[in-house]
Amino acid sequence: MNKVLLSVHVLAAIIFVGPVTVAASMFPPIARRSLTAGTESAGVAGTGDVGVLRVLHRISRGYAIGGLTVPVFGLAVGAGLGVLGDYWLIISMVLTLAAAGVLAFVVLPGQSRVLAAATGSQEQRAGSLPQAKALSMTTGIFALLWAVVVVLMIVRPGSTTGA
């Protein structure tokens, strides 16, 4: 049963966490380009960029919800293996919670605000540019947290597998 749970856990991480990380990371540069588009090009390039931003935001939201399966199955695997008390797993769970918090409370709301401004006036777009720039940093933090979790899952300090 642990092999099935582990397989679902790893597949969910690949299917959900990877795409949400990529979509969230692609959003800020496109948002900056859309927000800085001149009024004469906003009707052509800006509209296309806004469409892309909508899709990236929808992917980020949808895959974030699907990504909730990753820690659920991870806890099931950890319980089945009897390693829930191991410090590397506790650190991974804390980092996973931090990554989820960054995504849910910083990245997704920031994307929503930037997306709303991208369809507004030139002043609204210009006023939202600092937030779009800040999204680059927060999505980088989100990706870095997941990278550390992946390393901890592979290395597993104290593991007897020799990894």
Protein backbone atom coordinates (compact mmCIF):
# COMPACT_ATOMS: atom_id res chain seq x y z
CA MET A 1 0.00 0.00 0.00
CA ASN A 2 2.90 2.37 0.74
CA LYS A 3 4.13 1.98 -2.83
CA VAL A 4 0.73 3.04 -4.18
CA LEU A 5 0.55 6.01 -1.80
CA LEU A 6 4.11 7.02 -2.64
CA SER A 7 3.38 6.75 -6.37
CA VAL A 8 0.30 8.97 -6.04
CA HIS A 9 2.28 11.43 -3.89
CA VAL A 10 5.11 11.72 -6.43
CA LEU A 11 2.74 11.87 -9.42
CA ALA A 12 0.66 14.58 -7.73
CA ALA A 13 3.82 16.58 -7.05
CA ILE A 14 4.86 16.31 -10.69
CA ILE A 15 1.41 16.96 -12.12
CA PHE A 16 0.36 19.80 -9.79
CA VAL A 17 3.36 21.45 -8.13
CA GLY A 18 5.48 21.63 -11.26
CA PRO A 19 2.90 23.41 -13.41
CA VAL A 20 1.80 25.82 -10.67
CA THR A 21 5.44 26.76 -10.11
CA VAL A 22 6.03 27.34 -13.82
CA ALA A 23 2.77 29.27 -14.35
CA ALA A 24 3.36 31.43 -11.27
CA SER A 25 6.92 32.14 -12.43
CA MET A 26 5.82 33.06 -15.95
CA PHE A 27 3.18 35.52 -14.70
CA PRO A 28 5.42 38.39 -13.45
CA PRO A 29 7.45 39.06 -16.62
CA ILE A 30 4.36 38.98 -18.80
CA ALA A 31 2.54 41.20 -16.30
CA ARG A 32 5.39 43.72 -16.37
CA ARG A 33 5.32 43.75 -20.17
CA SER A 34 1.54 44.19 -20.20
CA LEU A 35 1.56 46.92 -17.55
CA THR A 36 4.27 48.93 -19.33
CA ALA A 37 2.70 48.64 -22.80
CA GLY A 38 2.01 52.05 -24.29
CA THR A 39 -1.56 53.15 -24.82
CA GLU A 40 -1.27 52.70 -28.58
CA SER A 41 -0.05 49.10 -28.27
CA ALA A 42 -2.29 48.19 -25.35
CA GLY A 43 -5.11 47.34 -27.73
CA VAL A 44 -3.01 44.77 -29.57
CA ALA A 45 -0.13 43.41 -27.49
CA GLY A 46 -1.71 44.35 -24.15
CA THR A 47 -4.90 42.42 -24.87
CA GLY A 48 -2.96 39.32 -25.82
CA ASP A 49 -0.85 39.65 -22.70
CA VAL A 50 -3.97 40.02 -20.56
CA GLY A 51 -5.33 36.82 -22.09
CA VAL A 52 -2.09 35.02 -21.28
CA LEU A 53 -2.17 36.44 -17.74
CA ARG A 54 -5.72 35.15 -17.29
CA VAL A 55 -4.67 31.66 -18.37
CA LEU A 56 -1.58 31.67 -16.13
CA HIS A 57 -3.66 32.84 -13.17
CA ARG A 58 -6.28 30.15 -13.84
CA ILE A 59 -3.55 27.50 -14.04
CA SER A 60 -1.99 28.79 -10.81
CA ARG A 61 -5.33 28.68 -9.00
CA GLY A 62 -6.47 25.33 -10.35
CA TYR A 63 -3.22 23.50 -9.87
CA ALA A 64 -2.81 25.00 -6.40
CA ILE A 65 -6.07 23.32 -5.41
CA GLY A 66 -4.97 20.04 -6.97
CA GLY A 67 -1.62 20.41 -5.21
CA LEU A 68 -3.35 19.87 -1.88
CA THR A 69 -3.20 16.16 -2.69
CA VAL A 70 0.61 16.23 -2.42
CA PRO A 71 0.86 16.77 1.37
CA VAL A 72 -2.21 14.58 2.00
CA PHE A 73 -0.62 11.58 0.33
CA GLY A 74 2.78 12.55 1.72
CA LEU A 75 1.42 12.34 5.26
CA ALA A 76 -0.12 8.97 4.44
CA VAL A 77 3.23 7.69 3.15
CA GLY A 78 5.07 9.10 6.17
CA ALA A 79 2.60 7.47 8.55
CA GLY A 80 2.87 4.15 6.70
CA LEU A 81 6.66 4.24 6.89
CA GLY A 82 6.65 5.39 10.51
CA VAL A 83 8.78 8.47 9.82
CA LEU A 84 6.37 11.26 10.78
CA GLY A 85 8.61 12.13 13.74
CA ASP A 86 11.83 12.35 11.70
CA TYR A 87 13.21 15.88 11.66
CA TRP A 88 13.76 15.94 7.89
CA LEU A 89 10.07 15.19 7.34
CA ILE A 90 8.95 17.74 9.92
CA ILE A 91 11.12 20.38 8.20
CA SER A 92 9.63 19.34 4.85
CA MET A 93 6.10 19.69 6.22
CA VAL A 94 6.86 23.15 7.62
CA LEU A 95 8.40 24.24 4.30
CA THR A 96 5.43 22.80 2.41
CA LEU A 97 3.08 24.78 4.64
CA ALA A 98 5.18 27.90 4.07
CA ALA A 99 5.10 27.37 0.29
CA ALA A 100 1.34 26.88 0.38
CA GLY A 101 0.98 30.06 2.44
CA VAL A 102 3.13 32.08 0.02
CA LEU A 103 1.07 30.79 -2.89
CA ALA A 104 -2.36 31.21 -1.28
CA PHE A 105 -1.83 34.50 0.56
CA VAL A 106 0.74 36.36 -1.55
CA VAL A 107 1.10 35.02 -5.11
CA LEU A 108 -2.53 34.28 -6.05
CA PRO A 109 -3.99 37.50 -4.57
CA GLY A 110 -1.13 39.47 -6.14
CA GLN A 111 -1.87 37.91 -9.51
CA SER A 112 -5.55 38.83 -9.13
CA ARG A 113 -4.73 42.47 -8.35
CA VAL A 114 -2.23 42.78 -11.20
CA LEU A 115 -4.66 41.12 -13.60
CA ALA A 116 -7.40 43.58 -12.60
CA ALA A 117 -5.04 46.52 -13.12
CA ALA A 118 -3.85 45.17 -16.48
CA THR A 119 -7.31 45.76 -17.91
CA GLY A 120 -7.57 49.25 -16.38
CA SER A 121 -6.34 52.68 -17.30
CA GLN A 122 -2.71 53.60 -17.94
CA GLU A 123 -2.51 55.04 -14.40
CA GLN A 124 -3.87 51.83 -12.86
CA ARG A 125 -1.41 49.77 -14.87
CA ALA A 126 1.52 51.98 -13.88
CA GLY A 127 0.44 51.89 -10.23
CA SER A 128 0.40 48.10 -10.26
CA LEU A 129 3.89 47.73 -11.75
CA PRO A 130 5.69 47.53 -8.36
CA GLN A 131 3.37 44.70 -7.33
CA ALA A 132 4.12 42.83 -10.55
CA LYS A 133 7.82 43.23 -9.83
CA ALA A 134 7.33 41.97 -6.27
CA LEU A 135 5.57 38.89 -7.64
CA SER A 136 8.87 37.85 -9.22
CA MET A 137 10.42 37.65 -5.78
CA THR A 138 7.52 35.87 -4.11
CA THR A 139 7.20 33.29 -6.88
CA GLY A 140 10.97 32.73 -6.59
CA ILE A 141 10.57 32.13 -2.86
CA PHE A 142 7.71 29.72 -3.58
CA ALA A 143 9.88 27.79 -6.07
CA LEU A 144 12.86 27.78 -3.72
CA LEU A 145 10.77 26.35 -0.86
CA TRP A 146 9.61 23.51 -3.11
CA ALA A 147 13.17 22.88 -4.30
CA VAL A 148 14.34 22.47 -0.70
CA VAL A 149 11.45 20.09 0.02
CA VAL A 150 12.38 17.99 -3.02
CA VAL A 151 16.01 17.80 -1.90
CA LEU A 152 14.92 16.74 1.59
CA MET A 153 12.64 14.07 0.12
CA ILE A 154 15.47 12.66 -1.97
CA VAL A 155 18.35 12.92 0.50
CA ARG A 156 16.33 12.02 3.63
CA PRO A 157 18.99 12.62 6.29
CA GLY A 158 19.58 9.49 8.33
CA SER A 159 18.16 7.25 5.60
CA THR A 160 19.39 3.68 5.46
CA THR A 161 19.00 3.54 1.67
CA GLY A 162 22.42 5.08 1.12
CA ALA A 163 20.95 8.00 -0.83
